[in-house]
Structures are given as C-alpha cells and as structure tokens.
Amino acid sequence: MSSPDVTAVVNLHRERETCVPTLRSLKAAAEYAEEQGLSVERLVLLDNADDRTRAVAQKILGDTPRYVESTAGDLGLARNRAANEAAGTYTCFLDGDDLWGFRWIARAFAAADAADTDAVWHPAANFVSGKMPHVYHHLGSEHRMFKSSRFRLHNGWTALSFAKTSIYREIPYPPNLLKSGFGYEDWSWNTETLRRGIPHRVVEGTSHYINKRESSLLTSSIHALPTRYHTLDWDALNV
C-alpha cells in the first residue's frame, strides 16, 4: 500500500471548544486537497489532552484521523512525535487555535512537488489576531531582500510549515524550556534548517490565521529572549 501524499497534523492540548474552527479548517483543507487528487492522512496529536478536547476532536473529525496520545508536555517535542508517526511523504502542522486557508495543503504540495530541491514551505501571509492585529508577510530565504541577520532579532517564519517528512525527522525540534529561559522552538528549528542549506520558500496565494493570545507560548517566550539567543547558531549562518 502506497504512502499518503501528505500527513496533516493538528496539535491539541486543552483547547476544548476553542479548537472547533481549527479542526474545521483542517477538515476543509484536507478535503479540498483530496478533491485535487491527493491522498491526505489526518493525524491528531493529543499532548496531555483533556477528555473534553478529545471529545471535540471526535465530534468534528470523526474516526477518519489517526489519534496519537502524547505525554511530552511540549509543543516542539509533540511535533517530533507527530513527524515520527506520520505516514505521508510530506507533513504539515497546525496548532490547536490557528487556521489554515482551505487551499493550503493542495497548493503547498503543488509547489513542493514542482520544486528543484527540497525546501520548507510557508504561507505568503499570516493574519494575526490579538491586542494589535496585523498582517505578517513571509519572505523566502532566497529572495533578494531576505537578510539572514534579521534572525538575531526576529523569527522569519511561523511554525505552521510544510516539508518532506524526512526533514522533520532528520532535524527534530528542540524542547521549549521556559522555566529555564528557553522558548521559540520554531525559531531555533528554522535557523538549523537554514544552516544545513535547506531553503525556506513561500507558497504564493496562501494565508494562515494566527491566534495570538496573551497566554500563548509566543507571549511567554518573549520573556525568555535574552537567554534564548545562545541556542541559535549565529556564527554558522555567517551573519
């Protein structure tokens, strides 16, 4: 039996009803991709999830997905578990309070399948909610205006990426250790993939919705920035 083209992963914890729009966006993106002829595995990673969150996922997605239980208690380590479980040639991630555009999986696969090399793919735009809502545009690492030196102060891409499953397995995410002053596991992962020569590219005509809550990991990680820097290999990037 051949492997699915894509494994679509949603990471859940204790979102409960908050994850309903997220799950609906995954369902819509997977179904649209299948209408375009792709095979899509749905994988729900339940990391220390409560019963209510499990029930919500079952109600929205039914028995179609594969449900994987995790006790990692960490988003980065949960992504690693999902990548190791994934059966698809490609894997893409969705966090429990964010949204994909319904064409995301299909367009990301088309871009990756037609590319001249393996890469990590990101949406062209992110609509970010919160106290200061804004639109954040991604820029590919090969773009003439891309400056790797910006990584000293700013993470260039969100964690909702699309890439070969083998890339996620070969380059696992580091854990978040906020109590010790470490956060932004996706920033570290983005830096490491660049260091290894893997380009980051943009899928034109796609967008994601990022729900920035005051209690989010992003907000918590801001306080960890001063001590977080030494985990990023700046010298290896020649910046």
C-alpha atoms as a PDB file:
ATOM      1  CA  MET A   1       0.000   0.000   0.000  1.00  0.00           C
ATOM      2  CA  SER A   2       1.437   3.357  -1.049  1.00  0.00           C
ATOM      3  CA  SER A   3       2.107   6.140   1.447  1.00  0.00           C
ATOM      4  CA  PRO A   4      -0.229   9.148   1.594  1.00  0.00           C
ATOM      5  CA  ASP A   5       0.978  12.246  -0.203  1.00  0.00           C
ATOM      6  CA  VAL A   6       0.576  14.408   2.900  1.00  0.00           C
ATOM      7  CA  THR A   7       0.080  13.948   6.633  1.00  0.00           C
ATOM      8  CA  ALA A   8      -1.882  16.879   8.058  1.00  0.00           C
ATOM      9  CA  VAL A   9      -1.094  17.214  11.772  1.00  0.00           C
ATOM     10  CA  VAL A  10      -3.076  19.172  14.322  1.00  0.00           C
ATOM     11  CA  ASN A  11      -1.505  19.555  17.776  1.00  0.00           C
ATOM     12  CA  LEU A  12      -4.066  19.649  20.571  1.00  0.00           C
ATOM     13  CA  HIS A  13      -3.689  20.112  24.309  1.00  0.00           C
ATOM     14  CA  ARG A  14      -6.586  21.509  26.329  1.00  0.00           C
ATOM     15  CA  GLU A  15      -8.221  23.839  23.832  1.00  0.00           C
ATOM     16  CA  ARG A  16     -11.689  22.332  24.214  1.00  0.00           C
ATOM     17  CA  GLU A  17     -14.275  24.253  22.125  1.00  0.00           C
ATOM     18  CA  THR A  18     -11.619  26.788  21.115  1.00  0.00           C
ATOM     19  CA  CYS A  19     -10.248  24.267  18.622  1.00  0.00           C
ATOM     20  CA  VAL A  20     -13.517  23.852  16.698  1.00  0.00           C
ATOM     21  CA  PRO A  21     -12.604  26.413  13.957  1.00  0.00           C
ATOM     22  CA  THR A  22      -9.097  24.927  13.781  1.00  0.00           C
ATOM     23  CA  LEU A  23     -10.418  21.421  13.200  1.00  0.00           C
ATOM     24  CA  ARG A  24     -12.902  22.649  10.625  1.00  0.00           C
ATOM     25  CA  SER A  25     -10.103  24.404   8.731  1.00  0.00           C
ATOM     26  CA  LEU A  26      -8.021  21.214   8.715  1.00  0.00           C
ATOM     27  CA  LYS A  27     -11.013  19.225   7.508  1.00  0.00           C
ATOM     28  CA  ALA A  28     -11.713  21.724   4.710  1.00  0.00           C
ATOM     29  CA  ALA A  29      -8.075  21.829   3.578  1.00  0.00           C
ATOM     30  CA  ALA A  30      -7.750  18.042   3.589  1.00  0.00           C
ATOM     31  CA  GLU A  31     -10.993  17.536   1.671  1.00  0.00           C
ATOM     32  CA  TYR A  32     -10.072  20.170  -0.907  1.00  0.00           C
ATOM     33  CA  ALA A  33      -6.661  18.533  -1.421  1.00  0.00           C
ATOM     34  CA  GLU A  34      -8.352  15.172  -1.919  1.00  0.00           C
ATOM     35  CA  GLU A  35     -10.652  16.730  -4.494  1.00  0.00           C
ATOM     36  CA  GLN A  36      -7.474  17.716  -6.364  1.00  0.00           C
ATOM     37  CA  GLY A  37      -6.353  14.090  -6.390  1.00  0.00           C
ATOM     38  CA  LEU A  38      -4.072  13.977  -3.334  1.00  0.00           C
ATOM     39  CA  SER A  39      -4.165  11.432  -0.535  1.00  0.00           C
ATOM     40  CA  VAL A  40      -4.165  13.069   2.908  1.00  0.00           C
ATOM     41  CA  GLU A  41      -3.666  11.407   6.263  1.00  0.00           C
ATOM     42  CA  ARG A  42      -5.204  13.290   9.209  1.00  0.00           C
ATOM     43  CA  LEU A  43      -3.213  12.940  12.420  1.00  0.00           C
ATOM     44  CA  VAL A  44      -4.451  14.400  15.704  1.00  0.00           C
ATOM     45  CA  LEU A  45      -1.618  14.655  18.237  1.00  0.00           C
ATOM     46  CA  LEU A  46      -3.143  14.824  21.720  1.00  0.00           C
ATOM     47  CA  ASP A  47      -0.421  16.061  24.045  1.00  0.00           C
ATOM     48  CA  ASN A  48      -1.605  15.749  27.648  1.00  0.00           C
ATOM     49  CA  ALA A  49      -5.069  16.497  26.278  1.00  0.00           C
ATOM     50  CA  ASP A  50      -8.180  16.532  28.441  1.00  0.00           C
ATOM     51  CA  ASP A  51     -11.287  14.487  27.749  1.00  0.00           C
ATOM     52  CA  ARG A  52     -13.266  17.466  26.525  1.00  0.00           C
ATOM     53  CA  THR A  53     -10.693  18.279  23.833  1.00  0.00           C
ATOM     54  CA  ARG A  54     -10.700  14.643  22.712  1.00  0.00           C
ATOM     55  CA  ALA A  55     -14.499  14.708  22.504  1.00  0.00           C
ATOM     56  CA  VAL A  56     -14.489  17.910  20.450  1.00  0.00           C
ATOM     57  CA  ALA A  57     -11.950  16.460  18.009  1.00  0.00           C
ATOM     58  CA  GLN A  58     -14.012  13.283  17.623  1.00  0.00           C
ATOM     59  CA  LYS A  59     -17.177  15.281  17.031  1.00  0.00           C
ATOM     60  CA  ILE A  60     -15.652  17.476  14.294  1.00  0.00           C
ATOM     61  CA  LEU A  61     -13.338  14.974  12.590  1.00  0.00           C
ATOM     62  CA  GLY A  62     -14.938  11.639  13.470  1.00  0.00           C
ATOM     63  CA  ASP A  63     -12.987   8.424  13.082  1.00  0.00           C
ATOM     64  CA  THR A  64     -11.155   9.463   9.903  1.00  0.00           C
ATOM     65  CA  PRO A  65      -7.973  10.739  11.623  1.00  0.00           C
ATOM     66  CA  ARG A  66      -5.383   8.737  13.480  1.00  0.00           C
ATOM     67  CA  TYR A  67      -5.392   9.848  17.122  1.00  0.00           C
ATOM     68  CA  VAL A  68      -1.999   9.718  18.827  1.00  0.00           C
ATOM     69  CA  GLU A  69      -1.612  10.239  22.562  1.00  0.00           C
ATOM     70  CA  SER A  70       1.476  12.022  23.878  1.00  0.00           C
ATOM     71  CA  THR A  71       2.744  12.938  27.329  1.00  0.00           C
ATOM     72  CA  ALA A  72       5.536  15.214  26.078  1.00  0.00           C
ATOM     73  CA  GLY A  73       4.006  18.333  27.578  1.00  0.00           C
ATOM     74  CA  ASP A  74       5.908  20.375  25.000  1.00  0.00           C
ATOM     75  CA  LEU A  75       4.918  21.673  21.569  1.00  0.00           C
ATOM     76  CA  GLY A  76       8.299  21.059  19.955  1.00  0.00           C
ATOM     77  CA  LEU A  77       8.538  17.501  21.251  1.00  0.00           C
ATOM     78  CA  ALA A  78       4.909  16.896  20.258  1.00  0.00           C
ATOM     79  CA  ARG A  79       5.760  17.910  16.681  1.00  0.00           C
ATOM     80  CA  ASN A  80       8.656  15.456  16.718  1.00  0.00           C
ATOM     81  CA  ARG A  81       6.316  12.687  17.842  1.00  0.00           C
ATOM     82  CA  ALA A  82       3.869  13.561  15.073  1.00  0.00           C
ATOM     83  CA  ALA A  83       6.625  13.566  12.432  1.00  0.00           C
ATOM     84  CA  ASN A  84       7.773  10.129  13.576  1.00  0.00           C
ATOM     85  CA  GLU A  85       4.191   8.857  13.404  1.00  0.00           C
ATOM     86  CA  ALA A  86       3.391  10.446  10.031  1.00  0.00           C
ATOM     87  CA  ALA A  87       2.925   8.111   7.070  1.00  0.00           C
ATOM     88  CA  GLY A  88       2.839  10.843   4.413  1.00  0.00           C
ATOM     89  CA  THR A  89       5.675  11.842   2.088  1.00  0.00           C
ATOM     90  CA  TYR A  90       5.085  15.402   3.292  1.00  0.00           C
ATOM     91  CA  THR A  91       3.934  16.666   6.676  1.00  0.00           C
ATOM     92  CA  CYS A  92       2.288  19.958   7.619  1.00  0.00           C
ATOM     93  CA  PHE A  93       1.474  21.316  11.068  1.00  0.00           C
ATOM     94  CA  LEU A  94      -1.488  23.186  12.507  1.00  0.00           C
ATOM     95  CA  ASP A  95      -1.667  24.365  16.121  1.00  0.00           C
ATOM     96  CA  GLY A  96      -4.890  23.996  18.092  1.00  0.00           C
ATOM     97  CA  ASP A  97      -6.013  27.626  17.940  1.00  0.00           C
ATOM     98  CA  ASP A  98      -4.874  28.634  14.426  1.00  0.00           C
ATOM     99  CA  LEU A  99      -6.435  28.271  10.969  1.00  0.00           C
ATOM    100  CA  TRP A 100      -5.329  27.157   7.512  1.00  0.00           C
ATOM    101  CA  GLY A 101      -6.756  28.559   4.306  1.00  0.00           C
ATOM    102  CA  PHE A 102      -8.646  25.713   2.623  1.00  0.00           C
ATOM    103  CA  ARG A 103      -6.255  25.601  -0.370  1.00  0.00           C
ATOM    104  CA  TRP A 104      -3.131  25.375   1.826  1.00  0.00           C
ATOM    105  CA  ILE A 105      -2.381  21.650   1.571  1.00  0.00           C
ATOM    106  CA  ALA A 106      -3.085  21.414  -2.154  1.00  0.00           C
ATOM    107  CA  ARG A 107      -1.071  24.484  -3.099  1.00  0.00           C
ATOM    108  CA  ALA A 108       1.836  23.682  -0.782  1.00  0.00           C
ATOM    109  CA  PHE A 109       2.055  20.172  -2.224  1.00  0.00           C
ATOM    110  CA  ALA A 110       1.964  21.500  -5.786  1.00  0.00           C
ATOM    111  CA  ALA A 111       4.766  23.969  -5.023  1.00  0.00           C
ATOM    112  CA  ALA A 112       6.903  21.362  -3.277  1.00  0.00           C
ATOM    113  CA  ASP A 113       6.303  18.713  -5.929  1.00  0.00           C
ATOM    114  CA  ALA A 114       7.381  21.091  -8.708  1.00  0.00           C
ATOM    115  CA  ALA A 115      10.420  22.481  -6.865  1.00  0.00           C
ATOM    116  CA  ASP A 116      14.015  21.895  -7.897  1.00  0.00           C
ATOM    117  CA  THR A 117      15.082  20.953  -4.369  1.00  0.00           C
ATOM    118  CA  ASP A 118      13.631  20.021  -1.009  1.00  0.00           C
ATOM    119  CA  ALA A 119      12.526  23.066   0.970  1.00  0.00           C
ATOM    120  CA  VAL A 120      10.410  24.200   3.890  1.00  0.00           C
ATOM    121  CA  TRP A 121       7.256  25.927   2.703  1.00  0.00           C
ATOM    122  CA  HIS A 122       5.277  28.741   4.348  1.00  0.00           C
ATOM    123  CA  PRO A 123       2.115  30.707   3.515  1.00  0.00           C
ATOM    124  CA  ALA A 124       2.528  34.060   1.834  1.00  0.00           C
ATOM    125  CA  ALA A 125       0.648  35.896   4.581  1.00  0.00           C
ATOM    126  CA  ASN A 126      -0.446  35.461   8.189  1.00  0.00           C
ATOM    127  CA  PHE A 127      -3.421  37.265   9.648  1.00  0.00           C
ATOM    128  CA  VAL A 128      -2.536  37.723  13.314  1.00  0.00           C
ATOM    129  CA  SER A 129      -5.154  38.433  15.978  1.00  0.00           C
ATOM    130  CA  GLY A 130      -4.705  39.864  19.472  1.00  0.00           C
ATOM    131  CA  LYS A 131      -4.417  43.318  21.001  1.00  0.00           C
ATOM    132  CA  MET A 132      -2.516  44.519  17.930  1.00  0.00           C
ATOM    133  CA  PRO A 133      -3.976  42.613  14.956  1.00  0.00           C
ATOM    134  CA  HIS A 134      -1.873  42.795  11.814  1.00  0.00           C
ATOM    135  CA  VAL A 135      -0.915  41.031   8.604  1.00  0.00           C
ATOM    136  CA  TYR A 136       2.542  39.463   8.552  1.00  0.00           C
ATOM    137  CA  HIS A 137       4.061  38.539   5.175  1.00  0.00           C
ATOM    138  CA  HIS A 138       6.602  35.745   4.837  1.00  0.00           C
ATOM    139  CA  LEU A 139       9.699  36.224   2.703  1.00  0.00           C
ATOM    140  CA  GLY A 140      11.560  33.252   1.254  1.00  0.00           C
ATOM    141  CA  SER A 141      15.202  32.749   2.221  1.00  0.00           C
ATOM    142  CA  GLU A 142      16.273  33.005  -1.449  1.00  0.00           C
ATOM    143  CA  HIS A 143      14.513  36.321  -2.006  1.00  0.00           C
ATOM    144  CA  ARG A 144      16.837  39.203  -2.873  1.00  0.00           C
ATOM    145  CA  MET A 145      15.525  41.184   0.111  1.00  0.00           C
ATOM    146  CA  PHE A 146      15.988  38.382   2.640  1.00  0.00           C
ATOM    147  CA  LYS A 147      18.660  39.101   5.256  1.00  0.00           C
ATOM    148  CA  SER A 148      19.685  36.221   7.495  1.00  0.00           C
ATOM    149  CA  SER A 149      20.989  38.768  10.007  1.00  0.00           C
ATOM    150  CA  ARG A 150      17.375  39.560  10.861  1.00  0.00           C
ATOM    151  CA  PHE A 151      17.248  36.233  12.658  1.00  0.00           C
ATOM    152  CA  ARG A 152      19.203  37.794  15.509  1.00  0.00           C
ATOM    153  CA  LEU A 153      16.111  39.801  16.424  1.00  0.00           C
ATOM    154  CA  HIS A 154      13.153  38.238  14.653  1.00  0.00           C
ATOM    155  CA  ASN A 155      11.901  34.789  13.723  1.00  0.00           C
ATOM    156  CA  GLY A 156      11.300  34.827   9.992  1.00  0.00           C
ATOM    157  CA  TRP A 157       8.563  32.191   9.741  1.00  0.00           C
ATOM    158  CA  THR A 158       5.777  30.667  11.788  1.00  0.00           C
ATOM    159  CA  ALA A 159       5.775  27.010  12.852  1.00  0.00           C
ATOM    160  CA  LEU A 160       2.865  26.071  10.544  1.00  0.00           C
ATOM    161  CA  SER A 161       5.193  24.816   7.840  1.00  0.00           C
ATOM    162  CA  PHE A 162       5.030  22.183   5.078  1.00  0.00           C
ATOM    163  CA  ALA A 163       8.007  19.983   4.193  1.00  0.00           C
ATOM    164  CA  LYS A 164       9.175  16.471   3.471  1.00  0.00           C
ATOM    165  CA  THR A 165       8.507  14.276   6.487  1.00  0.00           C
ATOM    166  CA  SER A 166      12.134  13.193   6.318  1.00  0.00           C
ATOM    167  CA  ILE A 167      13.267  16.778   7.036  1.00  0.00           C
ATOM    168  CA  TYR A 168      11.269  16.928  10.261  1.00  0.00           C
ATOM    169  CA  ARG A 169      12.685  13.562  11.306  1.00  0.00           C
ATOM    170  CA  GLU A 170      16.294  14.396  10.475  1.00  0.00           C
ATOM    171  CA  ILE A 171      16.104  17.824  12.147  1.00  0.00           C
ATOM    172  CA  PRO A 172      13.879  17.486  15.223  1.00  0.00           C
ATOM    173  CA  TYR A 173      12.515  20.438  17.131  1.00  0.00           C
ATOM    174  CA  PRO A 174      14.255  21.340  20.394  1.00  0.00           C
ATOM    175  CA  PRO A 175      12.084  21.413  23.520  1.00  0.00           C
ATOM    176  CA  ASN A 176      10.674  24.603  25.000  1.00  0.00           C
ATOM    177  CA  LEU A 177      12.217  25.149  28.417  1.00  0.00           C
ATOM    178  CA  LEU A 178      10.520  28.357  29.501  1.00  0.00           C
ATOM    179  CA  LYS A 179      11.302  27.867  33.183  1.00  0.00           C
ATOM    180  CA  SER A 180      14.981  27.909  32.266  1.00  0.00           C
ATOM    181  CA  GLY A 181      14.587  30.854  29.906  1.00  0.00           C
ATOM    182  CA  PHE A 182      14.291  28.978  26.617  1.00  0.00           C
ATOM    183  CA  GLY A 183      11.461  29.375  24.112  1.00  0.00           C
ATOM    184  CA  TYR A 184      10.731  29.765  20.393  1.00  0.00           C
ATOM    185  CA  GLU A 185      11.421  26.185  19.345  1.00  0.00           C
ATOM    186  CA  ASP A 186      10.376  27.030  15.774  1.00  0.00           C
ATOM    187  CA  TRP A 187      12.902  29.894  15.596  1.00  0.00           C
ATOM    188  CA  SER A 188      15.688  27.510  16.534  1.00  0.00           C
ATOM    189  CA  TRP A 189      14.408  24.916  14.044  1.00  0.00           C
ATOM    190  CA  ASN A 190      14.198  27.486  11.249  1.00  0.00           C
ATOM    191  CA  THR A 191      17.759  28.561  11.955  1.00  0.00           C
ATOM    192  CA  GLU A 192      19.067  24.992  11.971  1.00  0.00           C
ATOM    193  CA  THR A 193      17.397  24.109   8.671  1.00  0.00           C
ATOM    194  CA  LEU A 194      18.927  27.207   7.072  1.00  0.00           C
ATOM    195  CA  ARG A 195      22.324  26.290   8.494  1.00  0.00           C
ATOM    196  CA  ARG A 196      22.031  22.908   6.809  1.00  0.00           C
ATOM    197  CA  GLY A 197      21.306  24.524   3.465  1.00  0.00           C
ATOM    198  CA  ILE A 198      17.567  23.864   3.294  1.00  0.00           C
ATOM    199  CA  PRO A 199      15.795  26.878   1.769  1.00  0.00           C
ATOM    200  CA  HIS A 200      12.569  28.313   3.115  1.00  0.00           C
ATOM    201  CA  ARG A 201      10.089  29.258   0.414  1.00  0.00           C
ATOM    202  CA  VAL A 202       6.663  30.862   0.142  1.00  0.00           C
ATOM    203  CA  VAL A 203       3.549  29.318  -1.391  1.00  0.00           C
ATOM    204  CA  GLU A 204       2.001  32.195  -3.304  1.00  0.00           C
ATOM    205  CA  GLY A 205      -1.709  32.781  -2.889  1.00  0.00           C
ATOM    206  CA  THR A 206      -1.937  31.170   0.563  1.00  0.00           C
ATOM    207  CA  SER A 207      -2.563  32.508   4.061  1.00  0.00           C
ATOM    208  CA  HIS A 208      -2.963  31.359   7.657  1.00  0.00           C
ATOM    209  CA  TYR A 209      -4.761  32.881  10.635  1.00  0.00           C
ATOM    210  CA  ILE A 210      -2.667  33.020  13.811  1.00  0.00           C
ATOM    211  CA  ASN A 211      -4.488  33.461  17.101  1.00  0.00           C
ATOM    212  CA  LYS A 212      -2.106  35.378  19.362  1.00  0.00           C
ATOM    213  CA  ARG A 213      -3.417  35.043  22.897  1.00  0.00           C
ATOM    214  CA  GLU A 214      -1.961  36.842  25.887  1.00  0.00           C
ATOM    215  CA  SER A 215      -1.250  33.468  27.497  1.00  0.00           C
ATOM    216  CA  SER A 216       0.207  31.925  24.342  1.00  0.00           C
ATOM    217  CA  LEU A 217       3.606  30.298  24.034  1.00  0.00           C
ATOM    218  CA  LEU A 218       4.673  33.201  21.830  1.00  0.00           C
ATOM    219  CA  THR A 219       3.902  35.705  24.581  1.00  0.00           C
ATOM    220  CA  SER A 220       5.589  33.577  27.242  1.00  0.00           C
ATOM    221  CA  SER A 221       8.688  33.190  25.091  1.00  0.00           C
ATOM    222  CA  ILE A 222       9.227  36.938  24.847  1.00  0.00           C
ATOM    223  CA  HIS A 223      10.493  36.899  28.425  1.00  0.00           C
ATOM    224  CA  ALA A 224      12.990  34.187  27.510  1.00  0.00           C
ATOM    225  CA  LEU A 225      14.648  36.033  24.629  1.00  0.00           C
ATOM    226  CA  PRO A 226      17.865  37.251  26.321  1.00  0.00           C
ATOM    227  CA  THR A 227      18.947  33.752  27.358  1.00  0.00           C
ATOM    228  CA  ARG A 228      17.437  32.059  24.304  1.00  0.00           C
ATOM    229  CA  TYR A 229      19.929  33.550  21.860  1.00  0.00           C
ATOM    230  CA  HIS A 230      22.829  31.266  22.682  1.00  0.00           C
ATOM    231  CA  THR A 231      20.925  28.209  21.425  1.00  0.00           C
ATOM    232  CA  LEU A 232      20.815  29.698  17.911  1.00  0.00           C
ATOM    233  CA  ASP A 233      23.998  29.086  15.913  1.00  0.00           C
ATOM    234  CA  TRP A 234      24.510  32.602  14.509  1.00  0.00           C
ATOM    235  CA  ASP A 235      28.139  32.046  13.503  1.00  0.00           C
ATOM    236  CA  ALA A 236      27.214  29.027  11.407  1.00  0.00           C
ATOM    237  CA  LEU A 237      24.846  31.255   9.445  1.00  0.00           C
ATOM    238  CA  ASN A 238      27.638  33.772   8.787  1.00  0.00           C
ATOM    239  CA  VAL A 239      25.501  36.690   9.933  1.00  0.00           C
END
